[in-house]
Amino acid sequence: MIRNKIKYLLILFLAGVVAVLYNEYTMGLIFLTVLVIPALLFAILSYTYGKVRATLLTNMHIAKKGETISIAVNLRNPTIFPISNMDLYFSYCNRYSKKKEKKSFRVSIDRKTSIRTNIQLQSEYVGNLEICFLGYRIYDYIQLFSLKMKKQETVKIAILPELHEITENLISDISRIPIESDYYSSHKSGDDPSEVFAIREYREGDRPQKIHWKLSSKQDQLMIKEFSAPLNCSILIYIDFKIHNKKDFLRAADALLECSLSLSYSFLTKGIIHYLAWYDDSQGVCKRIRVVLEKDFFEAVDGLLQVSSYSEKVESLQDYHAQYPYDQYTDFFYITNEISEKQLDTITLMNIRARQMIYVRDGHEIYEDGTGLADHLLPKDMLDSLNGMGIGILPVGIGRIAEDIEQWRLA
């Protein structure tokens, strides 16, 4: 715009010189016209600026990582003057990184027109993407002047990870054995007399022990109690968001979520009920979702997308054990970016039969040549401790998650 002002001043100077040299009415009129044009343009700009309206619109609140996100802005110009140059300003950031990026887009609007312009964005990482419409700037026809309108309209879009279905059976056979549970099926009956599933009329072959004698006397016919079927929920997936390298938090958190949610979704598709748990630093407590239906899975996703990294001093697994000290599990999947002796000590205190640690690291740290597990992945004494405790390690390299998940085996 400064360049345009310099050009205008040069034109005005030349018009003035010509008007003085020739001293004619026409030349003087041209000079006055060039002199008055900026005032006229600014008046039109001020008028349209006061009338134009811009509103952020979007029906998209969930997207997959790498998917194109379309953000619509509704623009209305009720004036008789078209707008040839208008800049729209946006900022966006992933809640995990909190690093804001800014973008601008140039549009034009015809007179007495309402248009909807679509802005295309993409996110390479999982998380809550906050997109803010900062405002717009309108220019006059020769871009000598501009006026900016500030706005603060924000939309939040949940960016979901790629979900890889795990075909390998990672659940120990012991997890199939029914255990005592406080949850019961709402779809089928069972043999647990502590809960009644339904009451129905007597059918031939029903056991006498199931007869509801009080109701039978009232109904003047035999009525049968159907008992409930307890739902087995003895599998825990725990995600530890303590990430040592804060600069690489976005990539590491992305990998942690992709692994944990792929595992949870695979269990869900196979009808395996499980817990998904994590530490919420904002509230200072561990949160846990019991995943039975798809809505439970997405409730857990929503909670996980609100998580941020916490202090090195926080031992989240210890906090979880303190909150649920008497829970017992047949299978435990601990998804982490760091492995420490304190974590191992806590795992040994928990009532667990089969333990797996999904260890998320950079690919070059895990693999020596892209195929073999590096000897320096963990110190020898820690590897000995893991083997002694019967804890299996499932390594995952950031950047090659899909390939590593395919190699998972139950230790």
Protein backbone atom coordinates (compact mmCIF):
# COMPACT_ATOMS: atom_id res chain seq x y z
CA MET A 1 0.00 0.00 0.00
CA ILE A 2 2.95 2.34 0.61
CA ARG A 3 4.06 1.73 -2.96
CA ASN A 4 0.63 2.81 -4.21
CA LYS A 5 0.81 6.00 -2.18
CA ILE A 6 4.22 6.81 -3.64
CA LYS A 7 2.85 6.20 -7.15
CA TYR A 8 -0.11 8.46 -6.43
CA LEU A 9 2.14 11.27 -5.14
CA LEU A 10 4.27 11.00 -8.29
CA ILE A 11 1.16 11.18 -10.51
CA LEU A 12 -0.12 14.15 -8.51
CA PHE A 13 3.26 15.90 -8.85
CA LEU A 14 3.37 15.29 -12.62
CA ALA A 15 -0.23 16.49 -13.03
CA GLY A 16 0.66 19.65 -11.09
CA VAL A 17 3.78 20.31 -13.18
CA VAL A 18 1.83 19.83 -16.44
CA ALA A 19 -0.95 22.12 -15.20
CA VAL A 20 1.57 24.88 -14.37
CA LEU A 21 3.52 24.51 -17.61
CA TYR A 22 0.53 24.52 -19.93
CA ASN A 23 -1.67 26.79 -17.81
CA GLU A 24 -4.85 25.49 -19.45
CA TYR A 25 -8.30 24.86 -17.99
CA THR A 26 -8.25 21.17 -18.95
CA MET A 27 -4.88 20.55 -17.30
CA GLY A 28 -6.05 22.35 -14.16
CA LEU A 29 -9.21 20.25 -14.09
CA ILE A 30 -7.17 17.04 -14.41
CA PHE A 31 -4.95 18.14 -11.54
CA LEU A 32 -7.95 18.90 -9.31
CA THR A 33 -9.49 15.53 -10.21
CA VAL A 34 -6.31 13.69 -9.23
CA LEU A 35 -6.21 15.74 -6.03
CA VAL A 36 -9.83 15.00 -5.06
CA ILE A 37 -9.85 11.25 -5.94
CA PRO A 38 -8.33 10.10 -2.58
CA ALA A 39 -10.98 11.96 -0.60
CA LEU A 40 -13.74 10.42 -2.72
CA LEU A 41 -12.24 6.93 -2.42
CA PHE A 42 -11.91 7.28 1.35
CA ALA A 43 -15.53 8.42 1.64
CA ILE A 44 -16.73 5.35 -0.32
CA LEU A 45 -14.42 3.12 1.75
CA SER A 46 -15.79 4.50 5.03
CA TYR A 47 -19.36 4.00 3.88
CA THR A 48 -18.88 0.38 2.77
CA TYR A 49 -16.81 -0.38 5.88
CA GLY A 50 -19.74 0.58 8.08
CA LYS A 51 -22.20 -1.56 6.11
CA VAL A 52 -20.27 -4.76 5.37
CA ARG A 53 -20.87 -7.76 7.64
CA ALA A 54 -18.74 -10.91 8.01
CA THR A 55 -19.74 -13.95 10.07
CA LEU A 56 -17.87 -17.19 10.72
CA LEU A 57 -19.88 -20.31 9.88
CA THR A 58 -19.04 -23.99 10.04
CA ASN A 59 -20.89 -27.28 10.35
CA MET A 60 -17.65 -29.22 10.76
CA HIS A 61 -16.69 -29.98 14.34
CA ILE A 62 -14.84 -33.28 13.88
CA ALA A 63 -12.14 -34.10 11.33
CA LYS A 64 -9.46 -36.70 10.86
CA LYS A 65 -5.77 -35.93 10.95
CA GLY A 66 -4.65 -34.68 7.52
CA GLU A 67 -8.24 -34.14 6.34
CA THR A 68 -9.12 -30.84 4.67
CA ILE A 69 -11.09 -28.59 7.02
CA SER A 70 -13.49 -26.21 5.35
CA ILE A 71 -14.33 -23.03 7.28
CA ALA A 72 -17.03 -20.83 5.78
CA VAL A 73 -17.30 -17.06 6.18
CA ASN A 74 -20.56 -15.39 5.21
CA LEU A 75 -19.92 -11.92 3.66
CA ARG A 76 -22.68 -9.39 3.00
CA ASN A 77 -22.27 -6.12 1.08
CA PRO A 78 -25.60 -4.22 1.03
CA THR A 79 -24.12 -1.09 -0.60
CA ILE A 80 -24.14 -0.06 -4.28
CA PHE A 81 -20.34 -0.11 -4.31
CA PRO A 82 -18.50 -3.34 -5.08
CA ILE A 83 -15.53 -4.29 -2.90
CA SER A 84 -12.58 -5.30 -5.04
CA ASN A 85 -10.09 -6.07 -2.27
CA MET A 86 -10.88 -7.45 1.17
CA ASP A 87 -8.53 -9.45 3.39
CA LEU A 88 -9.82 -12.01 5.92
CA TYR A 89 -7.56 -12.80 8.89
CA PHE A 90 -7.46 -16.08 10.79
CA SER A 91 -5.36 -17.67 13.51
CA TYR A 92 -5.36 -21.32 14.46
CA CYS A 93 -3.55 -23.48 16.98
CA ASN A 94 -3.56 -27.01 18.30
CA ARG A 95 -4.38 -27.04 22.00
CA TYR A 96 -1.50 -29.42 22.66
CA SER A 97 1.14 -27.06 21.25
CA LYS A 98 -0.53 -23.66 21.88
CA LYS A 99 1.60 -22.24 19.07
CA LYS A 100 -0.55 -19.94 16.96
CA GLU A 101 -0.32 -19.81 13.20
CA LYS A 102 -1.83 -16.93 11.19
CA LYS A 103 -3.24 -16.85 7.69
CA SER A 104 -4.96 -14.27 5.50
CA PHE A 105 -7.16 -14.69 2.43
CA ARG A 106 -8.16 -12.08 -0.16
CA VAL A 107 -11.72 -11.95 -1.51
CA SER A 108 -13.95 -9.54 -3.44
CA ILE A 109 -17.70 -8.88 -3.15
CA ASP A 110 -20.05 -7.48 -5.75
CA ARG A 111 -22.54 -4.75 -4.87
CA LYS A 112 -25.73 -5.71 -3.02
CA THR A 113 -24.52 -9.26 -2.67
CA SER A 114 -24.12 -11.92 -0.01
CA ILE A 115 -21.52 -14.59 -0.63
CA ARG A 116 -20.06 -17.49 1.31
CA THR A 117 -16.34 -18.07 0.93
CA ASN A 118 -14.67 -21.29 2.09
CA ILE A 119 -11.26 -21.33 3.74
CA GLN A 120 -9.30 -24.60 3.53
CA LEU A 121 -7.06 -25.67 6.42
CA GLN A 122 -5.35 -28.90 7.50
CA SER A 123 -3.96 -30.27 10.75
CA GLU A 124 -1.12 -32.76 10.76
CA TYR A 125 -1.58 -33.61 14.43
CA VAL A 126 -4.33 -34.85 16.72
CA GLY A 127 -5.93 -32.44 19.18
CA ASN A 128 -8.47 -29.69 19.55
CA LEU A 129 -7.86 -27.22 16.74
CA GLU A 130 -9.02 -23.72 17.69
CA ILE A 131 -9.68 -21.54 14.65
CA CYS A 132 -10.27 -17.85 15.33
CA PHE A 133 -11.65 -15.33 12.84
CA LEU A 134 -9.66 -12.23 13.78
CA GLY A 135 -11.41 -9.79 11.45
CA TYR A 136 -11.07 -8.26 8.01
CA ARG A 137 -9.54 -5.30 6.21
CA ILE A 138 -11.21 -3.43 3.33
CA TYR A 139 -9.20 -1.45 0.74
CA ASP A 140 -10.27 1.33 -1.59
CA TYR A 141 -10.16 0.76 -5.36
CA ILE A 142 -6.54 1.88 -5.86
CA GLN A 143 -5.39 0.66 -2.41
CA LEU A 144 -4.37 4.01 -0.98
CA PHE A 145 -6.36 3.51 2.23
CA SER A 146 -7.70 0.61 4.24
CA LEU A 147 -9.87 0.13 7.31
CA LYS A 148 -9.70 -2.91 9.59
CA MET A 149 -12.53 -4.47 11.57
CA LYS A 150 -11.47 -6.60 14.55
CA LYS A 151 -13.49 -9.65 15.51
CA GLN A 152 -13.03 -12.63 17.83
CA GLU A 153 -15.12 -15.51 16.56
CA THR A 154 -13.75 -18.92 17.45
CA VAL A 155 -14.66 -22.44 16.42
CA LYS A 156 -13.19 -25.61 17.91
CA ILE A 157 -12.67 -28.68 15.75
CA ALA A 158 -11.66 -32.04 17.22
CA ILE A 159 -8.93 -33.62 15.11
CA LEU A 160 -9.08 -37.40 15.50
CA PRO A 161 -6.17 -39.76 14.91
CA GLU A 162 -5.99 -42.48 12.32
CA LEU A 163 -7.43 -45.63 13.89
CA HIS A 164 -5.58 -48.83 13.05
CA GLU A 165 -7.52 -52.02 13.65
CA ILE A 166 -5.42 -54.51 15.57
CA THR A 167 -6.04 -57.99 14.22
CA GLU A 168 -3.62 -59.74 16.59
CA ASN A 169 -5.16 -61.06 19.81
CA LEU A 170 -3.54 -59.02 22.60
CA ILE A 171 -5.86 -60.29 25.34
CA SER A 172 -4.82 -63.15 27.57
CA ASP A 173 -7.17 -66.13 27.82
CA ILE A 174 -7.70 -65.44 31.52
CA SER A 175 -9.60 -62.26 30.59
CA ARG A 176 -12.40 -64.39 29.14
CA ILE A 177 -13.16 -65.87 32.58
CA PRO A 178 -16.14 -64.09 34.18
CA ILE A 179 -15.27 -62.07 37.27
CA GLU A 180 -17.39 -60.33 39.87
CA SER A 181 -18.85 -57.14 38.40
CA ASP A 182 -21.17 -54.30 39.35
CA TYR A 183 -22.32 -53.90 35.72
CA TYR A 184 -24.98 -56.04 34.08
CA SER A 185 -26.19 -56.57 30.55
CA SER A 186 -29.36 -54.80 29.46
CA HIS A 187 -29.80 -57.12 26.45
CA LYS A 188 -29.53 -60.67 27.75
CA SER A 189 -30.17 -62.62 30.93
CA GLY A 190 -27.66 -64.64 32.92
CA ASP A 191 -27.20 -66.57 36.13
CA ASP A 192 -26.33 -63.87 38.65
CA PRO A 193 -29.10 -63.98 41.32
CA SER A 194 -28.02 -60.64 42.83
CA GLU A 195 -29.78 -58.75 40.02
CA VAL A 196 -33.12 -59.45 38.29
CA PHE A 197 -33.08 -59.01 34.52
CA ALA A 198 -36.83 -59.51 33.83
CA ILE A 199 -39.97 -61.24 35.04
CA ARG A 200 -42.02 -63.39 32.68
CA GLU A 201 -44.62 -66.16 32.64
CA TYR A 202 -43.59 -69.70 33.47
CA ARG A 203 -42.47 -71.91 30.58
CA GLU A 204 -41.97 -75.64 30.61
CA GLY A 205 -38.45 -76.48 31.68
CA ASP A 206 -37.99 -73.47 34.00
CA ARG A 207 -36.33 -74.25 37.32
CA PRO A 208 -38.52 -73.98 40.42
CA GLN A 209 -35.84 -71.87 42.14
CA LYS A 210 -36.63 -69.01 39.71
CA ILE A 211 -40.33 -68.81 40.58
CA HIS A 212 -41.38 -65.42 41.95
CA TRP A 213 -43.86 -66.68 44.59
CA LYS A 214 -45.25 -63.33 45.75
CA LEU A 215 -45.98 -62.10 42.23
CA SER A 216 -47.32 -65.52 41.22
CA SER A 217 -49.91 -65.38 43.99
CA LYS A 218 -51.01 -61.90 42.88
CA GLN A 219 -51.17 -62.80 39.18
CA ASP A 220 -52.76 -66.18 39.88
CA GLN A 221 -50.18 -67.82 37.59
CA LEU A 222 -46.57 -68.83 37.89
CA MET A 223 -44.10 -66.01 37.20
CA ILE A 224 -40.38 -66.55 36.63
CA LYS A 225 -37.43 -64.31 37.55
CA GLU A 226 -34.72 -64.05 34.92
CA PHE A 227 -31.38 -63.21 36.47
CA SER A 228 -28.89 -60.71 35.08
CA ALA A 229 -25.64 -61.39 33.25
CA PRO A 230 -22.66 -59.52 34.76
CA LEU A 231 -20.50 -57.69 32.26
CA ASN A 232 -16.85 -58.52 32.50
CA CYS A 233 -14.66 -55.39 32.57
CA SER A 234 -11.20 -56.47 33.61
CA ILE A 235 -9.06 -54.73 30.96
CA LEU A 236 -7.40 -51.35 31.53
CA ILE A 237 -5.74 -49.06 28.98
CA TYR A 238 -3.85 -46.29 30.77
CA ILE A 239 -2.31 -43.35 28.87
CA ASP A 240 0.52 -41.43 30.52
CA PHE A 241 0.92 -37.93 29.06
CA LYS A 242 4.14 -37.17 30.90
CA ILE A 243 6.39 -36.26 27.96
CA HIS A 244 10.01 -35.49 28.76
CA ASN A 245 10.80 -33.46 25.63
CA LYS A 246 8.34 -30.54 25.74
CA LYS A 247 9.48 -29.27 22.35
CA ASP A 248 8.36 -32.54 20.79
CA PHE A 249 5.14 -32.73 22.81
CA LEU A 250 2.83 -32.40 19.81
CA ARG A 251 4.33 -35.37 17.93
CA ALA A 252 4.58 -37.51 21.05
CA ALA A 253 1.01 -36.76 22.20
CA ASP A 254 -0.21 -37.50 18.68
CA ALA A 255 1.48 -40.92 18.79
CA LEU A 256 0.22 -41.72 22.29
CA LEU A 257 -3.36 -40.97 21.27
CA GLU A 258 -3.09 -42.87 18.00
CA CYS A 259 -1.83 -45.99 19.79
CA SER A 260 -4.26 -45.89 22.71
CA LEU A 261 -7.36 -45.09 20.66
CA SER A 262 -6.47 -47.70 18.02
CA LEU A 263 -6.22 -50.27 20.80
CA SER A 264 -9.49 -49.14 22.41
CA TYR A 265 -11.36 -49.03 19.10
CA SER A 266 -10.12 -52.51 18.18
CA PHE A 267 -11.45 -53.84 21.49
CA LEU A 268 -14.75 -52.03 20.91
CA THR A 269 -15.25 -53.58 17.46
CA LYS A 270 -14.63 -57.02 18.97
CA GLY A 271 -17.11 -56.41 21.77
CA ILE A 272 -14.41 -56.40 24.48
CA ILE A 273 -15.43 -54.14 27.37
CA HIS A 274 -12.52 -52.20 28.85
CA TYR A 275 -11.49 -49.10 30.76
CA LEU A 276 -9.69 -46.13 29.19
CA ALA A 277 -7.97 -43.98 31.81
CA TRP A 278 -5.65 -40.96 32.03
CA TYR A 279 -4.56 -38.19 34.40
CA ASP A 280 -6.27 -34.79 34.14
CA ASP A 281 -3.79 -32.19 35.37
CA SER A 282 -6.35 -29.36 35.34
CA GLN A 283 -8.42 -31.15 38.02
CA GLY A 284 -5.61 -33.11 39.63
CA VAL A 285 -7.41 -36.46 39.33
CA CYS A 286 -7.38 -39.52 37.12
CA LYS A 287 -10.34 -39.96 34.79
CA ARG A 288 -11.69 -43.26 33.60
CA ILE A 289 -14.29 -44.19 31.00
CA ARG A 290 -15.81 -47.64 30.77
CA VAL A 291 -16.01 -48.32 27.01
CA VAL A 292 -18.97 -50.51 26.11
CA LEU A 293 -20.61 -48.62 23.26
CA GLU A 294 -19.36 -46.26 20.57
CA LYS A 295 -20.68 -43.26 22.50
CA ASP A 296 -18.43 -44.23 25.43
CA PHE A 297 -15.45 -44.33 23.09
CA PHE A 298 -16.13 -40.82 21.76
CA GLU A 299 -16.73 -39.56 25.30
CA ALA A 300 -13.23 -40.78 26.13
CA VAL A 301 -11.85 -39.14 22.96
CA ASP A 302 -13.40 -35.82 23.98
CA GLY A 303 -11.82 -36.06 27.43
CA LEU A 304 -8.41 -37.02 26.06
CA LEU A 305 -8.36 -34.06 23.67
CA GLN A 306 -8.61 -31.74 26.70
CA VAL A 307 -5.48 -33.18 28.32
CA SER A 308 -2.22 -31.26 28.55
CA SER A 309 1.24 -32.33 29.64
CA TYR A 310 1.89 -32.30 33.37
CA SER A 311 4.85 -31.75 35.67
CA GLU A 312 7.71 -34.21 35.94
CA LYS A 313 6.86 -34.48 39.65
CA VAL A 314 3.42 -35.95 38.93
CA GLU A 315 3.32 -39.75 39.15
CA SER A 316 -0.05 -40.27 37.49
CA LEU A 317 -0.03 -44.06 37.72
CA GLN A 318 0.44 -43.82 41.50
CA ASP A 319 -2.52 -41.43 41.64
CA TYR A 320 -4.62 -43.89 39.64
CA HIS A 321 -3.73 -46.74 41.99
CA ALA A 322 -4.61 -44.50 44.97
CA GLN A 323 -8.04 -43.73 43.44
CA TYR A 324 -8.82 -47.36 42.60
CA PRO A 325 -6.73 -49.40 45.08
CA TYR A 326 -8.95 -52.51 45.12
CA ASP A 327 -9.61 -52.89 41.40
CA GLN A 328 -8.28 -56.02 39.75
CA TYR A 329 -7.48 -56.52 36.08
CA THR A 330 -6.65 -59.47 33.91
CA ASP A 331 -4.94 -57.29 31.26
CA PHE A 332 -3.23 -53.93 31.63
CA PHE A 333 -1.90 -51.80 28.75
CA TYR A 334 0.30 -48.92 29.87
CA ILE A 335 0.99 -46.44 27.04
CA THR A 336 3.88 -44.14 27.82
CA ASN A 337 6.70 -42.02 26.42
CA GLU A 338 8.99 -42.69 29.40
CA ILE A 339 9.75 -45.73 31.54
CA SER A 340 10.99 -45.31 35.12
CA GLU A 341 11.55 -47.46 38.19
CA LYS A 342 8.68 -45.68 39.99
CA GLN A 343 6.28 -46.73 37.25
CA LEU A 344 7.43 -50.33 37.51
CA ASP A 345 7.06 -50.29 41.31
CA THR A 346 3.49 -49.02 41.00
CA ILE A 347 2.60 -51.65 38.40
CA THR A 348 3.82 -54.40 40.74
CA LEU A 349 1.48 -53.09 43.47
CA MET A 350 -1.57 -53.23 41.19
CA ASN A 351 -3.65 -56.41 41.09
CA ILE A 352 -2.92 -57.33 37.46
CA ARG A 353 -2.33 -60.70 35.82
CA ALA A 354 -1.00 -59.72 32.38
CA ARG A 355 0.97 -56.51 31.81
CA GLN A 356 1.97 -54.79 28.57
CA MET A 357 3.86 -51.52 28.14
CA ILE A 358 3.41 -49.70 24.84
CA TYR A 359 6.59 -47.64 24.61
CA VAL A 360 6.29 -44.66 22.23
CA ARG A 361 9.59 -43.15 21.08
CA ASP A 362 11.23 -41.66 18.00
CA GLY A 363 11.78 -44.30 15.35
CA HIS A 364 15.57 -43.81 15.26
CA GLU A 365 15.71 -44.37 19.04
CA ILE A 366 13.84 -47.67 18.81
CA TYR A 367 15.33 -49.20 15.70
CA GLU A 368 18.95 -49.48 14.70
CA ASP A 369 18.43 -50.17 11.00
CA GLY A 370 14.67 -49.73 10.57
CA THR A 371 13.94 -53.40 11.27
CA GLY A 372 15.69 -54.58 14.44
CA LEU A 373 15.05 -53.43 18.00
CA ALA A 374 17.94 -51.33 19.26
CA ASP A 375 19.92 -52.76 22.18
CA HIS A 376 20.06 -49.33 23.82
CA LEU A 377 16.26 -48.91 23.90
CA LEU A 378 16.37 -49.39 27.69
CA PRO A 379 19.19 -49.97 30.18
CA LYS A 380 19.98 -53.64 30.79
CA ASP A 381 18.98 -53.51 34.46
CA MET A 382 15.57 -52.11 33.54
CA LEU A 383 15.09 -54.74 30.85
CA ASP A 384 15.92 -57.38 33.46
CA SER A 385 13.38 -55.82 35.82
CA LEU A 386 10.70 -55.87 33.13
CA ASN A 387 11.41 -59.51 32.31
CA GLY A 388 11.41 -60.43 35.99
CA MET A 389 8.01 -58.79 36.49
CA GLY A 390 6.59 -60.43 33.38
CA ILE A 391 5.96 -57.07 31.72
CA GLY A 392 6.04 -57.17 27.94
CA ILE A 393 7.20 -54.21 25.83
CA LEU A 394 5.45 -53.24 22.61
CA PRO A 395 7.69 -50.54 21.04
CA VAL A 396 6.15 -47.95 18.73
CA GLY A 397 8.20 -45.53 16.65
CA ILE A 398 6.79 -42.09 16.00
CA GLY A 399 6.27 -41.83 12.27
CA ARG A 400 5.78 -45.56 11.74
CA ILE A 401 2.88 -46.33 14.07
CA ALA A 402 0.81 -48.34 11.58
CA GLU A 403 3.77 -50.62 10.76
CA ASP A 404 4.66 -51.22 14.41
CA ILE A 405 1.09 -51.93 15.48
CA GLU A 406 0.95 -54.69 12.88
CA GLN A 407 3.94 -56.32 14.61
CA TRP A 408 2.40 -56.34 18.09
CA ARG A 409 2.27 -59.70 19.80
CA LEU A 410 1.18 -60.69 23.27
CA ALA A 411 4.25 -61.28 25.40
